[in-house]
Every structure is written in C-alpha cells, then in structure tokens.
Amino acid sequence: MGRTGLGMVYSGIYAMYAAGWITEHDLKVAKKVAYIMCGGDLTGSHRVTESYLLDLEREAFLSLRGEEKTLKRMEHTLKTGKPLRN
C-alpha cells in the first residue's frame, strides 16, 4: 500500500491518540507496525519480497527494543501474562 495506505493508517492512529485511547508509546509502536504492514515509504504499487518486509520488521523491533518503555512492557508481560499500558 505504500504511502497511500500509510497516510490512511496514520490518520486513524493519530485520531486514537487524540481521543486518549492510546498512550504516546502506543502511538510510536503503532506507527512502526503500520510502516511495516504498508511496506514502508513506497510510491505507487510495488511488489515486495518477504525478506524486504522482514528487514523492515527487524529494523522496527531493534529500534523499539532500545526504548525503556518497551523493555518495561516486555518484562511485565513475561512476568504477569498481561499487557502493560505505559
């Protein structure tokens, strides 16, 4: 979907944030997931490979892994089995 899809998904994500349904960190994670699902910042329609999408996913995971809030979420979920909304 590229940029077109990304714009649509981002508008929904920002609307959820503005309404108070998601936290600032949820916003950051959701934007990364949307970027992956839309195939990145592509123009027009492109066919992408599985390895391309996996590279996007890996990059997003590694960048989020360095965030303190992400680490706290991971630790909390592993300990309790429940998500942490921070």
N, C-alpha and C. Protein backbone atom coordinates (compact mmCIF):
# COMPACT_ATOMS: atom_id res chain seq x y z
N MET A 1 0.82 -1.20 0.00
CA MET A 1 0.00 0.00 0.00
C MET A 1 0.86 1.26 0.00
N GLY A 2 2.06 1.19 0.53
CA GLY A 2 2.98 2.32 0.50
C GLY A 2 2.45 3.56 1.20
N ARG A 3 2.83 4.71 0.64
CA ARG A 3 2.48 6.00 1.25
C ARG A 3 0.98 6.21 1.38
N THR A 4 0.22 5.78 0.39
CA THR A 4 -1.23 5.98 0.42
C THR A 4 -1.85 5.28 1.63
N GLY A 5 -1.53 4.02 1.78
CA GLY A 5 -2.05 3.26 2.92
C GLY A 5 -1.51 3.78 4.23
N LEU A 6 -0.24 4.16 4.21
CA LEU A 6 0.40 4.66 5.42
C LEU A 6 -0.30 5.92 5.92
N GLY A 7 -0.65 6.80 5.01
CA GLY A 7 -1.36 8.03 5.39
C GLY A 7 -2.71 7.73 6.01
N MET A 8 -3.43 6.77 5.44
CA MET A 8 -4.74 6.41 5.98
C MET A 8 -4.61 5.80 7.37
N VAL A 9 -3.65 4.91 7.53
CA VAL A 9 -3.47 4.24 8.83
C VAL A 9 -2.98 5.25 9.86
N TYR A 10 -2.04 6.11 9.49
CA TYR A 10 -1.54 7.11 10.42
C TYR A 10 -2.66 8.02 10.91
N SER A 11 -3.58 8.40 10.02
CA SER A 11 -4.67 9.28 10.46
C SER A 11 -5.54 8.59 11.50
N GLY A 12 -5.76 7.30 11.33
CA GLY A 12 -6.52 6.55 12.33
C GLY A 12 -5.78 6.44 13.65
N ILE A 13 -4.48 6.22 13.56
CA ILE A 13 -3.66 6.11 14.77
C ILE A 13 -3.66 7.44 15.53
N TYR A 14 -3.46 8.55 14.81
CA TYR A 14 -3.45 9.85 15.47
C TYR A 14 -4.82 10.19 16.06
N ALA A 15 -5.89 9.77 15.41
CA ALA A 15 -7.23 10.00 15.95
C ALA A 15 -7.41 9.25 17.27
N MET A 16 -6.90 8.02 17.32
CA MET A 16 -6.98 7.25 18.57
C MET A 16 -6.17 7.91 19.68
N TYR A 17 -5.01 8.44 19.32
CA TYR A 17 -4.17 9.13 20.31
C TYR A 17 -4.86 10.40 20.81
N ALA A 18 -5.40 11.18 19.88
CA ALA A 18 -6.08 12.43 20.23
C ALA A 18 -7.29 12.18 21.13
N ALA A 19 -7.95 11.05 20.92
CA ALA A 19 -9.12 10.70 21.73
C ALA A 19 -8.74 10.12 23.08
N GLY A 20 -7.44 9.89 23.29
CA GLY A 20 -6.99 9.34 24.57
C GLY A 20 -7.12 7.83 24.69
N TRP A 21 -7.32 7.15 23.58
CA TRP A 21 -7.48 5.69 23.60
C TRP A 21 -6.15 4.96 23.65
N ILE A 22 -5.08 5.63 23.19
CA ILE A 22 -3.76 5.01 23.23
C ILE A 22 -2.76 5.98 23.83
N THR A 23 -1.70 5.43 24.40
CA THR A 23 -0.66 6.25 25.01
C THR A 23 0.33 6.74 23.94
N GLU A 24 1.23 7.60 24.37
CA GLU A 24 2.25 8.10 23.44
C GLU A 24 3.14 6.95 22.94
N HIS A 25 3.43 6.01 23.83
CA HIS A 25 4.25 4.87 23.41
C HIS A 25 3.46 3.94 22.48
N ASP A 26 2.16 3.77 22.76
CA ASP A 26 1.31 3.01 21.84
C ASP A 26 1.35 3.63 20.44
N LEU A 27 1.33 4.96 20.40
CA LEU A 27 1.39 5.68 19.13
C LEU A 27 2.68 5.34 18.38
N LYS A 28 3.79 5.35 19.10
CA LYS A 28 5.09 5.06 18.48
C LYS A 28 5.12 3.63 17.93
N VAL A 29 4.63 2.68 18.72
CA VAL A 29 4.61 1.27 18.30
C VAL A 29 3.67 1.09 17.11
N ALA A 30 2.49 1.69 17.18
CA ALA A 30 1.50 1.56 16.11
C ALA A 30 2.03 2.12 14.79
N LYS A 31 2.75 3.23 14.86
CA LYS A 31 3.32 3.81 13.64
C LYS A 31 4.35 2.87 13.02
N LYS A 32 5.14 2.22 13.85
CA LYS A 32 6.14 1.28 13.34
C LYS A 32 5.45 0.08 12.69
N VAL A 33 4.41 -0.44 13.33
CA VAL A 33 3.67 -1.58 12.77
C VAL A 33 3.02 -1.19 11.45
N ALA A 34 2.43 0.00 11.40
CA ALA A 34 1.79 0.47 10.17
C ALA A 34 2.82 0.59 9.04
N TYR A 35 3.99 1.09 9.37
CA TYR A 35 5.05 1.24 8.37
C TYR A 35 5.41 -0.11 7.78
N ILE A 36 5.52 -1.11 8.63
CA ILE A 36 5.84 -2.46 8.16
C ILE A 36 4.70 -3.02 7.30
N MET A 37 3.49 -2.93 7.81
CA MET A 37 2.34 -3.51 7.11
C MET A 37 2.09 -2.85 5.76
N CYS A 38 2.43 -1.57 5.63
CA CYS A 38 2.23 -0.87 4.36
C CYS A 38 3.43 -1.02 3.42
N GLY A 39 4.46 -1.69 3.88
CA GLY A 39 5.62 -1.91 3.03
C GLY A 39 6.58 -0.75 3.00
N GLY A 40 6.49 0.14 3.99
CA GLY A 40 7.41 1.26 4.05
C GLY A 40 6.92 2.45 3.26
N ASP A 41 7.85 3.32 2.92
CA ASP A 41 7.54 4.58 2.26
C ASP A 41 7.64 4.41 0.74
N LEU A 42 6.80 3.55 0.20
CA LEU A 42 6.81 3.28 -1.24
C LEU A 42 5.80 4.17 -1.95
N THR A 43 6.11 4.52 -3.18
CA THR A 43 5.16 5.26 -4.01
C THR A 43 4.56 4.30 -5.03
N GLY A 44 3.30 4.49 -5.31
CA GLY A 44 2.65 3.61 -6.29
C GLY A 44 2.53 2.19 -5.76
N SER A 45 2.22 1.27 -6.66
CA SER A 45 2.09 -0.12 -6.24
C SER A 45 3.37 -0.87 -6.61
N HIS A 46 3.95 -1.51 -5.64
CA HIS A 46 5.18 -2.28 -5.82
C HIS A 46 4.99 -3.66 -5.22
N ARG A 47 5.61 -4.61 -5.82
CA ARG A 47 5.68 -5.94 -5.22
C ARG A 47 6.93 -5.97 -4.37
N VAL A 48 6.77 -6.44 -3.16
CA VAL A 48 7.93 -6.54 -2.27
C VAL A 48 8.11 -7.99 -1.86
N THR A 49 9.31 -8.32 -1.50
CA THR A 49 9.61 -9.69 -1.10
C THR A 49 9.37 -9.86 0.40
N GLU A 50 9.28 -11.11 0.79
CA GLU A 50 9.14 -11.42 2.21
C GLU A 50 10.36 -10.92 2.98
N SER A 51 11.53 -11.07 2.40
CA SER A 51 12.74 -10.63 3.09
C SER A 51 12.76 -9.11 3.27
N TYR A 52 12.19 -8.37 2.33
CA TYR A 52 12.09 -6.92 2.46
C TYR A 52 11.24 -6.56 3.68
N LEU A 53 10.09 -7.22 3.81
CA LEU A 53 9.20 -6.96 4.95
C LEU A 53 9.85 -7.40 6.26
N LEU A 54 10.56 -8.52 6.23
CA LEU A 54 11.25 -8.97 7.44
C LEU A 54 12.35 -8.00 7.84
N ASP A 55 13.02 -7.40 6.87
CA ASP A 55 14.02 -6.38 7.17
C ASP A 55 13.39 -5.16 7.84
N LEU A 56 12.22 -4.74 7.34
CA LEU A 56 11.50 -3.62 7.96
C LEU A 56 11.11 -3.97 9.40
N GLU A 57 10.63 -5.19 9.58
CA GLU A 57 10.22 -5.64 10.91
C GLU A 57 11.41 -5.69 11.87
N ARG A 58 12.52 -6.21 11.40
CA ARG A 58 13.72 -6.31 12.23
C ARG A 58 14.20 -4.91 12.64
N GLU A 59 14.22 -4.00 11.69
CA GLU A 59 14.65 -2.64 11.98
C GLU A 59 13.75 -1.99 13.03
N ALA A 60 12.44 -2.16 12.90
CA ALA A 60 11.48 -1.59 13.85
C ALA A 60 11.66 -2.22 15.24
N PHE A 61 11.79 -3.54 15.28
CA PHE A 61 11.95 -4.22 16.57
C PHE A 61 13.22 -3.75 17.28
N LEU A 62 14.31 -3.68 16.55
CA LEU A 62 15.57 -3.27 17.17
C LEU A 62 15.52 -1.83 17.67
N SER A 63 14.83 -0.96 16.95
CA SER A 63 14.71 0.42 17.42
C SER A 63 13.82 0.51 18.65
N LEU A 64 12.75 -0.28 18.69
CA LEU A 64 11.86 -0.26 19.86
C LEU A 64 12.50 -0.96 21.05
N ARG A 65 13.32 -1.95 20.80
CA ARG A 65 13.96 -2.69 21.88
C ARG A 65 14.83 -1.79 22.74
N GLY A 66 15.35 -0.74 22.17
CA GLY A 66 16.17 0.20 22.91
C GLY A 66 15.39 1.18 23.77
N GLU A 67 14.08 1.17 23.66
CA GLU A 67 13.23 2.08 24.42
C GLU A 67 12.95 1.50 25.81
N GLU A 68 13.09 2.32 26.85
CA GLU A 68 12.84 1.86 28.21
C GLU A 68 11.40 1.38 28.39
N LYS A 69 10.45 2.09 27.80
CA LYS A 69 9.04 1.71 27.95
C LYS A 69 8.76 0.36 27.29
N THR A 70 9.42 0.08 26.18
CA THR A 70 9.25 -1.22 25.53
C THR A 70 9.78 -2.34 26.42
N LEU A 71 10.95 -2.11 27.00
CA LEU A 71 11.53 -3.12 27.88
C LEU A 71 10.64 -3.38 29.09
N LYS A 72 10.08 -2.32 29.65
CA LYS A 72 9.16 -2.48 30.79
C LYS A 72 7.92 -3.28 30.37
N ARG A 73 7.42 -3.01 29.17
CA ARG A 73 6.26 -3.76 28.67
C ARG A 73 6.59 -5.24 28.51
N MET A 74 7.76 -5.51 27.96
CA MET A 74 8.16 -6.90 27.75
C MET A 74 8.33 -7.63 29.08
N GLU A 75 9.01 -7.00 30.03
CA GLU A 75 9.21 -7.60 31.34
C GLU A 75 7.89 -7.87 32.04
N HIS A 76 7.01 -6.88 32.01
CA HIS A 76 5.70 -7.01 32.68
C HIS A 76 4.88 -8.14 32.06
N THR A 77 4.85 -8.20 30.75
CA THR A 77 4.07 -9.24 30.08
C THR A 77 4.63 -10.63 30.37
N LEU A 78 5.95 -10.75 30.40
CA LEU A 78 6.56 -12.05 30.72
C LEU A 78 6.28 -12.48 32.16
N LYS A 79 6.24 -11.52 33.08
CA LYS A 79 6.00 -11.83 34.49
C LYS A 79 4.54 -12.12 34.79
N THR A 80 3.64 -11.30 34.20
CA THR A 80 2.24 -11.38 34.56
C THR A 80 1.33 -12.02 33.51
N GLY A 81 1.79 -12.05 32.28
CA GLY A 81 0.95 -12.55 31.19
C GLY A 81 -0.05 -11.52 30.72
N LYS A 82 0.05 -10.30 31.24
CA LYS A 82 -0.87 -9.22 30.88
C LYS A 82 -0.09 -8.06 30.29
N PRO A 83 -0.71 -7.33 29.37
CA PRO A 83 0.00 -6.17 28.78
C PRO A 83 0.10 -5.01 29.75
N LEU A 84 1.14 -4.22 29.58
CA LEU A 84 1.35 -3.00 30.35
C LEU A 84 1.07 -1.82 29.44
N ARG A 85 0.24 -0.90 29.89
CA ARG A 85 -0.08 0.29 29.10
C ARG A 85 0.66 1.47 29.69
N ASN A 86 1.87 1.71 29.23
CA ASN A 86 2.67 2.81 29.75
C ASN A 86 2.89 3.86 28.69
